[in-house]
Amino acid sequence: MNSYLIITITGRNITRFLHKCRDNNINILQIRNISHKKIIIKINQNDYNKLKRIKSFYKIEIINSGGLLKYKELINKNKIILICLFIGLIFLILLSNIIFDIKIISNNLELNNKIIKELDYYGIKKYKFKKNYNEIQKIKSTLLNDFKDNIEWLEITEVGTKYEVKIVERKKKQKKENYEYSNIVAGKSGIIKKIYAEDGQKVVDINTYVNKGDIIISGTIMKGEEEKQYINAKGKIYAEIWYDVTIDFPLNYSEKLYTNNKVKRLYIKLNNKYISNNKYKNFERKTIKKLKNNIVPFELGIEEEKEVRIINDRYSLIEAKNKAIEKAKEKILQTLDNDEYIIDEKVLNFKQKNSKIELEMFFSCLEEISKKETFIPNNKNNE
């Protein structure tokens, strides 16, 4: 990329000056007339010294530059800032590769102390440089082999400027099988609508009101009035449940809209203060890449700045009421699973209070209320 200069030439008989430039092999890349005594020309930087030799009584002034020369001037102008940034970056990279803490994640204090001593022996300790991936894997394999009777699994993870060593102890498997007997009871009070008994005996009819804790599917199998068998009851119960929901909804509202306008830029962060030239008045920032250290309150990175538009408006009473109803329904639906739904809904009360409305609604919902409850059978020798 050739360097060039933009120069103003002032003096009498400009035409004569241009002839002198031609005679001295000065290549004029561009020329613009300002007046009969003043012109602006564009020349290569290499021709500037020739131009000074023939200027005689003409006045020459550099007004701009381009190409490599412009970049050199820009670098020289910001030399101190660039040097500080470079030193800060090197210092940050250096600190980022030093171990400042080691955390052993295990409940066995005796084993933890042994592992810390071993790690210290292999150079993983405070204020030492971090190990590369291959070295970490080698150390991990050695520790697993040395402590094979005590450790089932071990992982050494780098988290910022510290290492986390997660340990799972090796324990003998203990098998103890205890058969469990249970009933399916109502987890909530309501009217029973559906009963799916996979194992066990139904003891309640459909459309029966039950209280929380009532047995719906019994794990005690009866033959007449005699307890014949005990099992682990399985099944699902669905009932109609009722809710009263009160919602406060503002007449004035604010909405945040995201536009398609976004820009990537370099930023510096000192403590919690950003140093960057923001393009948009309202925006949200998202960090793409960053270099930081928990010890030094300095952060350098690239962020994406996304424009945000804030909309402030006011609802009418009807609009606010409809929005409040939607909000109340959403509140109920968030508590329901995919196989549960709202059966009926009704507005009980609606009033305006200052700059908001208060809405009270009634909902009836179909919900699964199955709850497992274990019991000890009367006959322990039951088969």
Protein backbone atom coordinates (compact mmCIF):
# COMPACT_ATOMS: atom_id res chain seq x y z
CA MET A 1 0.00 0.00 0.00
CA ASN A 2 1.73 3.23 -1.23
CA SER A 3 1.80 6.29 1.03
CA TYR A 4 0.54 9.56 -0.36
CA LEU A 5 0.14 13.17 0.72
CA ILE A 6 -2.60 15.75 0.10
CA ILE A 7 -0.92 19.16 -0.24
CA THR A 8 -2.10 22.73 -0.83
CA ILE A 9 0.10 24.92 -3.08
CA THR A 10 -0.32 28.70 -2.77
CA GLY A 11 1.39 31.33 -4.92
CA ARG A 12 1.37 33.25 -8.20
CA ASN A 13 1.39 31.56 -11.60
CA ILE A 14 0.30 28.08 -10.42
CA THR A 15 0.55 26.83 -14.00
CA ARG A 16 4.27 27.51 -14.01
CA PHE A 17 4.65 25.51 -10.80
CA LEU A 18 2.89 22.54 -12.37
CA HIS A 19 5.31 22.67 -15.32
CA LYS A 20 8.24 22.61 -12.90
CA CYS A 21 6.72 19.50 -11.25
CA ARG A 22 6.53 17.79 -14.63
CA ASP A 23 10.12 18.73 -15.50
CA ASN A 24 11.34 17.26 -12.19
CA ASN A 25 9.42 13.96 -12.68
CA ILE A 26 7.01 14.63 -9.83
CA ASN A 27 3.99 12.41 -10.41
CA ILE A 28 0.80 14.32 -9.54
CA LEU A 29 -1.85 11.70 -8.82
CA GLN A 30 -4.72 14.14 -8.48
CA ILE A 31 -5.27 17.89 -8.77
CA ARG A 32 -8.08 20.20 -7.71
CA ASN A 33 -8.27 23.93 -8.44
CA ILE A 34 -9.31 26.18 -5.57
CA SER A 35 -8.48 29.52 -7.20
CA HIS A 36 -5.97 30.94 -9.71
CA LYS A 37 -3.47 31.24 -6.82
CA LYS A 38 -4.21 28.00 -4.94
CA ILE A 39 -4.50 24.30 -5.81
CA ILE A 40 -4.73 20.99 -3.92
CA ILE A 41 -2.68 18.08 -5.25
CA LYS A 42 -2.14 14.44 -4.33
CA ILE A 43 1.39 13.01 -4.71
CA ASN A 44 3.39 9.98 -3.58
CA GLN A 45 5.34 10.43 -0.35
CA ASN A 46 8.58 9.75 -2.24
CA ASP A 47 8.01 12.87 -4.41
CA TYR A 48 7.61 15.21 -1.42
CA ASN A 49 11.33 16.01 -1.06
CA LYS A 50 11.51 16.88 -4.79
CA LEU A 51 8.55 19.17 -4.32
CA LYS A 52 10.25 21.04 -1.47
CA ARG A 53 13.35 21.63 -3.62
CA ILE A 54 11.41 23.40 -6.39
CA LYS A 55 8.90 25.28 -4.23
CA SER A 56 10.96 28.57 -4.28
CA PHE A 57 8.44 31.29 -3.28
CA TYR A 58 5.42 28.96 -3.33
CA LYS A 59 3.83 28.01 -0.01
CA ILE A 60 3.42 24.25 0.59
CA GLU A 61 1.19 22.80 3.35
CA ILE A 62 0.36 19.12 4.05
CA ILE A 63 -3.33 18.82 4.93
CA ASN A 64 -3.77 15.04 4.93
CA SER A 65 -2.05 11.73 4.29
CA GLY A 66 -3.02 8.17 3.38
CA GLY A 67 -1.79 4.61 2.89
CA LEU A 68 0.95 3.29 5.16
CA LEU A 69 1.91 6.78 6.20
CA LYS A 70 -1.48 7.43 7.72
CA TYR A 71 -1.28 4.22 9.73
CA LYS A 72 2.22 5.11 10.94
CA GLU A 73 1.00 8.54 12.07
CA LEU A 74 -1.97 6.93 13.83
CA ILE A 75 0.32 4.47 15.60
CA ASN A 76 2.76 7.22 16.64
CA LYS A 77 -0.11 9.36 17.91
CA ASN A 78 -1.48 6.55 20.09
CA LYS A 79 1.86 4.96 20.88
CA ILE A 80 1.60 5.32 24.66
CA ILE A 81 -1.93 3.86 24.78
CA LEU A 82 -0.93 0.93 22.55
CA ILE A 83 2.16 0.20 24.65
CA CYS A 84 0.07 0.26 27.85
CA LEU A 85 -2.50 -2.05 26.29
CA PHE A 86 0.21 -4.44 25.10
CA ILE A 87 1.89 -4.51 28.53
CA GLY A 88 -1.51 -4.97 30.21
CA LEU A 89 -2.37 -7.81 27.84
CA ILE A 90 0.94 -9.58 28.47
CA PHE A 91 0.51 -9.10 32.22
CA LEU A 92 -3.07 -10.43 32.05
CA ILE A 93 -2.02 -13.49 30.02
CA LEU A 94 0.81 -14.12 32.47
CA LEU A 95 -1.50 -13.94 35.51
CA SER A 96 -4.10 -16.10 33.74
CA ASN A 97 -1.56 -18.92 33.54
CA ILE A 98 -0.69 -18.93 37.25
CA ILE A 99 -2.46 -21.16 39.80
CA PHE A 100 -4.00 -19.08 42.63
CA ASP A 101 -6.09 -21.76 44.31
CA ILE A 102 -6.66 -25.54 44.44
CA LYS A 103 -10.04 -26.92 45.54
CA ILE A 104 -10.54 -30.59 46.41
CA ILE A 105 -14.19 -31.65 46.10
CA SER A 106 -14.60 -34.64 48.41
CA ASN A 107 -15.97 -35.32 51.91
CA ASN A 108 -13.02 -37.48 52.97
CA LEU A 109 -10.60 -35.03 54.66
CA GLU A 110 -7.87 -37.66 55.10
CA LEU A 111 -7.96 -38.56 51.41
CA ASN A 112 -8.05 -34.85 50.48
CA ASN A 113 -4.81 -34.17 52.38
CA LYS A 114 -3.07 -37.09 50.65
CA ILE A 115 -4.17 -35.85 47.21
CA ILE A 116 -2.99 -32.29 47.98
CA LYS A 117 0.47 -33.61 48.90
CA GLU A 118 0.63 -35.65 45.67
CA LEU A 119 -0.44 -32.66 43.58
CA ASP A 120 2.19 -30.54 45.29
CA TYR A 121 4.81 -33.14 44.35
CA TYR A 122 3.79 -32.94 40.69
CA GLY A 123 3.92 -29.12 40.67
CA ILE A 124 0.22 -28.35 40.97
CA LYS A 125 0.23 -25.83 43.80
CA LYS A 126 -0.38 -22.14 44.45
CA TYR A 127 1.62 -19.53 42.52
CA LYS A 128 3.01 -22.08 40.07
CA PHE A 129 2.33 -22.07 36.33
CA LYS A 130 -0.54 -24.19 35.05
CA LYS A 131 0.11 -27.55 33.39
CA ASN A 132 -0.83 -28.35 29.80
CA TYR A 133 -3.50 -30.88 28.89
CA ASN A 134 -1.12 -33.83 28.41
CA GLU A 135 0.62 -33.21 31.74
CA ILE A 136 -2.76 -33.04 33.55
CA GLN A 137 -3.88 -36.33 31.99
CA LYS A 138 -0.62 -38.01 32.98
CA ILE A 139 -0.91 -36.78 36.59
CA LYS A 140 -4.57 -37.90 36.74
CA SER A 141 -3.69 -41.41 35.50
CA THR A 142 -0.87 -41.68 38.05
CA LEU A 143 -3.14 -40.63 40.94
CA LEU A 144 -5.86 -43.10 39.88
CA ASN A 145 -3.29 -45.90 39.80
CA ASP A 146 -1.68 -44.93 43.13
CA PHE A 147 -5.05 -44.65 44.90
CA LYS A 148 -6.94 -47.36 43.02
CA ASP A 149 -8.24 -48.87 46.27
CA ASN A 150 -9.66 -45.55 47.46
CA ILE A 151 -10.69 -43.64 44.32
CA GLU A 152 -13.29 -44.72 41.78
CA TRP A 153 -13.06 -41.57 39.61
CA LEU A 154 -11.00 -38.40 39.58
CA GLU A 155 -11.09 -35.28 37.41
CA ILE A 156 -8.79 -32.23 37.41
CA THR A 157 -10.57 -29.21 35.91
CA GLU A 158 -9.14 -25.76 35.23
CA VAL A 159 -11.57 -23.03 36.37
CA GLY A 160 -10.13 -19.58 35.71
CA THR A 161 -7.00 -19.29 37.84
CA LYS A 162 -7.72 -22.31 40.02
CA TYR A 163 -7.89 -26.09 39.72
CA GLU A 164 -10.88 -28.09 40.92
CA VAL A 165 -10.14 -31.73 41.77
CA LYS A 166 -13.33 -33.80 41.92
CA ILE A 167 -13.03 -37.18 43.63
CA VAL A 168 -15.50 -40.08 43.80
CA GLU A 169 -14.48 -42.60 46.45
CA ARG A 170 -14.53 -46.32 45.75
CA LYS A 171 -17.09 -48.01 47.97
CA LYS A 172 -18.21 -51.61 48.31
CA LYS A 173 -21.60 -52.24 46.80
CA GLN A 174 -24.20 -53.10 49.35
CA LYS A 175 -27.37 -54.69 48.11
CA LYS A 176 -30.34 -54.72 50.36
CA GLU A 177 -33.71 -55.34 48.85
CA ASN A 178 -36.77 -54.39 50.85
CA TYR A 179 -40.14 -54.90 49.25
CA GLU A 180 -42.31 -51.84 49.68
CA TYR A 181 -46.07 -51.82 50.22
CA SER A 182 -47.99 -48.67 49.34
CA ASN A 183 -51.33 -47.00 48.63
CA ILE A 184 -52.06 -44.27 46.10
CA VAL A 185 -53.67 -41.38 47.99
CA ALA A 186 -55.03 -37.95 47.02
CA GLY A 187 -52.29 -35.33 47.05
CA LYS A 188 -54.96 -32.56 47.03
CA SER A 189 -58.63 -32.20 47.93
CA GLY A 190 -61.04 -32.24 44.97
CA ILE A 191 -63.60 -34.19 42.93
CA ILE A 192 -62.25 -37.41 41.39
CA LYS A 193 -62.66 -37.44 37.58
CA LYS A 194 -60.37 -40.22 36.35
CA ILE A 195 -58.73 -43.25 37.99
CA TYR A 196 -56.16 -45.42 36.20
CA ALA A 197 -55.34 -48.34 38.52
CA GLU A 198 -52.35 -50.32 37.22
CA ASP A 199 -51.90 -52.34 40.42
CA GLY A 200 -54.16 -52.20 43.46
CA GLN A 201 -57.81 -51.90 44.31
CA LYS A 202 -59.95 -48.79 43.60
CA VAL A 203 -61.84 -47.75 46.73
CA VAL A 204 -63.39 -44.46 45.49
CA ASP A 205 -65.91 -43.83 42.69
CA ILE A 206 -65.73 -41.18 39.95
CA ASN A 207 -67.28 -37.75 40.82
CA THR A 208 -66.65 -38.35 44.54
CA TYR A 209 -65.23 -35.50 46.63
CA VAL A 210 -62.05 -36.55 48.53
CA ASN A 211 -59.83 -34.84 51.04
CA LYS A 212 -56.07 -34.67 50.83
CA GLY A 213 -54.61 -37.96 52.08
CA ASP A 214 -57.67 -40.14 51.35
CA ILE A 215 -56.81 -43.57 49.87
CA ILE A 216 -57.92 -43.86 46.23
CA ILE A 217 -56.05 -46.99 45.06
CA SER A 218 -55.39 -49.37 47.93
CA GLY A 219 -52.38 -51.65 48.22
CA THR A 220 -54.42 -53.94 50.47
CA ILE A 221 -56.38 -56.44 48.37
CA MET A 222 -59.58 -57.41 50.14
CA LYS A 223 -61.60 -60.59 49.75
CA GLY A 224 -64.90 -59.81 51.39
CA GLU A 225 -63.95 -58.26 54.71
CA GLU A 226 -60.67 -60.14 54.96
CA GLU A 227 -57.26 -58.68 54.00
CA LYS A 228 -56.04 -61.16 51.42
CA GLN A 229 -52.86 -59.65 49.98
CA TYR A 230 -50.57 -56.59 50.22
CA ILE A 231 -48.93 -55.02 47.16
CA ASN A 232 -47.19 -51.89 45.93
CA ALA A 233 -50.14 -49.98 44.42
CA LYS A 234 -49.55 -48.20 41.11
CA GLY A 235 -51.75 -45.84 39.12
CA LYS A 236 -52.79 -42.27 38.38
CA ILE A 237 -55.61 -40.17 39.80
CA TYR A 238 -57.07 -37.05 38.15
CA ALA A 239 -59.36 -34.67 40.01
CA GLU A 240 -61.06 -31.32 39.58
CA ILE A 241 -59.19 -28.74 41.70
CA TRP A 242 -60.23 -25.11 42.36
CA TYR A 243 -58.15 -21.96 42.59
CA ASP A 244 -58.76 -18.27 43.29
CA VAL A 245 -56.15 -16.06 41.62
CA THR A 246 -55.71 -12.32 42.27
CA ILE A 247 -53.76 -10.26 39.73
CA ASP A 248 -52.58 -6.63 39.91
CA PHE A 249 -51.99 -5.17 36.44
CA PRO A 250 -50.66 -1.64 35.65
CA LEU A 251 -52.50 0.69 33.27
CA ASN A 252 -49.14 2.18 32.29
CA TYR A 253 -46.65 -0.24 30.79
CA SER A 254 -43.16 -0.27 29.36
CA GLU A 255 -41.98 -2.66 26.66
CA LYS A 256 -38.47 -3.42 25.45
CA LEU A 257 -38.10 -4.12 21.71
CA TYR A 258 -34.92 -5.40 20.05
CA THR A 259 -34.05 -4.01 16.61
CA ASN A 260 -31.85 -5.68 14.01
CA ASN A 261 -29.16 -3.03 14.57
CA LYS A 262 -26.04 -4.37 16.20
CA VAL A 263 -22.31 -3.74 16.09
CA LYS A 264 -19.17 -5.45 17.36
CA ARG A 265 -16.53 -3.39 19.13
CA LEU A 266 -13.48 -3.56 21.36
CA TYR A 267 -13.97 -2.66 25.04
CA ILE A 268 -11.90 -2.21 28.17
CA LYS A 269 -13.35 -2.74 31.65
CA LEU A 270 -11.71 -1.39 34.78
CA ASN A 271 -13.40 -2.69 37.93
CA ASN A 272 -17.08 -2.45 36.89
CA LYS A 273 -16.66 0.53 34.54
CA TYR A 274 -16.74 0.01 30.77
CA ILE A 275 -14.53 2.09 28.49
CA SER A 276 -16.05 1.89 25.00
CA ASN A 277 -17.58 4.15 22.38
CA ASN A 278 -21.26 3.17 22.40
CA LYS A 279 -23.20 3.69 19.16
CA TYR A 280 -26.78 3.38 20.42
CA LYS A 281 -28.61 5.32 23.14
CA ASN A 282 -30.37 2.24 24.53
CA PHE A 283 -28.60 -1.08 24.10
CA GLU A 284 -27.68 -4.41 25.60
CA ARG A 285 -24.16 -5.76 25.46
CA LYS A 286 -23.07 -9.35 24.96
CA THR A 287 -19.47 -10.38 25.51
CA ILE A 288 -18.07 -12.49 22.65
CA LYS A 289 -14.45 -12.92 23.76
CA LYS A 290 -12.62 -11.61 26.79
CA LEU A 291 -9.37 -11.77 28.67
CA LYS A 292 -9.62 -11.22 32.41
CA ASN A 293 -8.14 -12.19 35.72
CA ASN A 294 -9.87 -12.43 39.11
CA ILE A 295 -6.86 -10.87 40.83
CA VAL A 296 -6.43 -7.83 38.57
CA PRO A 297 -9.58 -5.67 38.01
CA PHE A 298 -8.85 -5.37 34.28
CA GLU A 299 -10.74 -6.92 31.39
CA LEU A 300 -10.16 -6.64 27.64
CA GLY A 301 -12.53 -8.11 25.09
CA ILE A 302 -14.87 -7.93 22.12
CA GLU A 303 -18.58 -7.33 22.68
CA GLU A 304 -21.73 -7.16 20.58
CA GLU A 305 -23.85 -4.08 21.20
CA LYS A 306 -27.52 -4.60 20.26
CA GLU A 307 -29.93 -1.66 19.95
CA VAL A 308 -33.00 -1.67 22.20
CA ARG A 309 -36.07 0.54 21.82
CA ILE A 310 -38.14 1.32 24.91
CA ILE A 311 -41.87 1.80 24.34
CA ASN A 312 -44.01 3.42 27.03
CA ASP A 313 -47.80 3.32 26.62
CA ARG A 314 -51.09 3.18 28.51
CA TYR A 315 -53.80 0.51 28.47
CA SER A 316 -57.51 1.22 28.49
CA LEU A 317 -59.52 -0.51 31.25
CA ILE A 318 -60.79 -3.17 28.80
CA GLU A 319 -57.29 -3.81 27.44
CA ALA A 320 -55.85 -4.02 30.97
CA LYS A 321 -58.61 -6.42 32.03
CA ASN A 322 -57.96 -8.73 29.06
CA LYS A 323 -54.21 -8.63 29.73
CA ALA A 324 -54.80 -9.42 33.42
CA ILE A 325 -57.00 -12.40 32.47
CA GLU A 326 -54.23 -13.70 30.18
CA LYS A 327 -51.69 -13.24 32.97
CA ALA A 328 -53.90 -15.10 35.47
CA LYS A 329 -54.37 -17.99 33.02
CA GLU A 330 -50.63 -18.08 32.32
CA LYS A 331 -49.98 -18.24 36.08
CA ILE A 332 -52.27 -21.28 36.39
CA LEU A 333 -50.96 -23.01 33.23
CA GLN A 334 -47.38 -22.77 34.49
CA THR A 335 -48.35 -25.10 37.37
CA LEU A 336 -50.00 -27.68 35.08
CA ASP A 337 -48.35 -30.57 33.20
CA ASN A 338 -49.07 -31.52 29.59
CA ASP A 339 -51.90 -33.88 30.52
CA GLU A 340 -53.55 -31.29 32.81
CA TYR A 341 -55.79 -28.41 31.71
CA ILE A 342 -58.23 -25.68 32.75
CA ILE A 343 -61.84 -26.90 32.86
CA ASP A 344 -63.57 -23.58 33.59
CA GLU A 345 -62.73 -19.97 34.46
CA LYS A 346 -64.70 -16.98 35.76
CA VAL A 347 -64.00 -13.35 36.72
CA LEU A 348 -65.12 -12.84 40.34
CA ASN A 349 -64.12 -9.23 40.89
CA PHE A 350 -62.64 -6.38 38.83
CA LYS A 351 -61.81 -2.84 39.98
CA GLN A 352 -59.45 0.07 39.28
CA LYS A 353 -57.12 1.24 42.03
CA ASN A 354 -54.99 4.31 41.27
CA SER A 355 -52.83 3.50 38.21
CA LYS A 356 -53.57 -0.24 38.21
CA ILE A 357 -56.44 -2.70 38.18
CA GLU A 358 -57.16 -5.58 40.55
CA LEU A 359 -58.66 -8.75 39.08
CA GLU A 360 -59.86 -11.80 41.01
CA MET A 361 -60.54 -14.99 39.02
CA PHE A 362 -61.84 -18.50 39.75
CA PHE A 363 -60.36 -21.52 37.95
CA SER A 364 -61.27 -25.19 38.01
CA CYS A 365 -58.56 -27.48 36.64
CA LEU A 366 -58.09 -31.15 35.89
CA GLU A 367 -54.91 -32.23 37.67
CA GLU A 368 -53.13 -35.43 38.53
CA ILE A 369 -53.17 -35.69 42.34
CA SER A 370 -51.58 -39.15 42.75
CA LYS A 371 -49.33 -39.51 45.77
CA LYS A 372 -47.58 -42.67 46.92
CA GLU A 373 -47.89 -43.54 50.61
CA THR A 374 -46.14 -46.58 52.10
CA PHE A 375 -47.53 -48.72 54.89
CA ILE A 376 -46.55 -51.71 57.01
CA PRO A 377 -48.89 -54.68 56.46
CA ASN A 378 -50.54 -56.43 59.37
CA ASN A 379 -49.28 -59.82 58.12
CA LYS A 380 -45.50 -59.61 57.60
CA ASN A 381 -45.43 -63.11 56.11
CA ASN A 382 -47.66 -62.00 53.24
CA GLU A 383 -46.71 -63.43 49.90
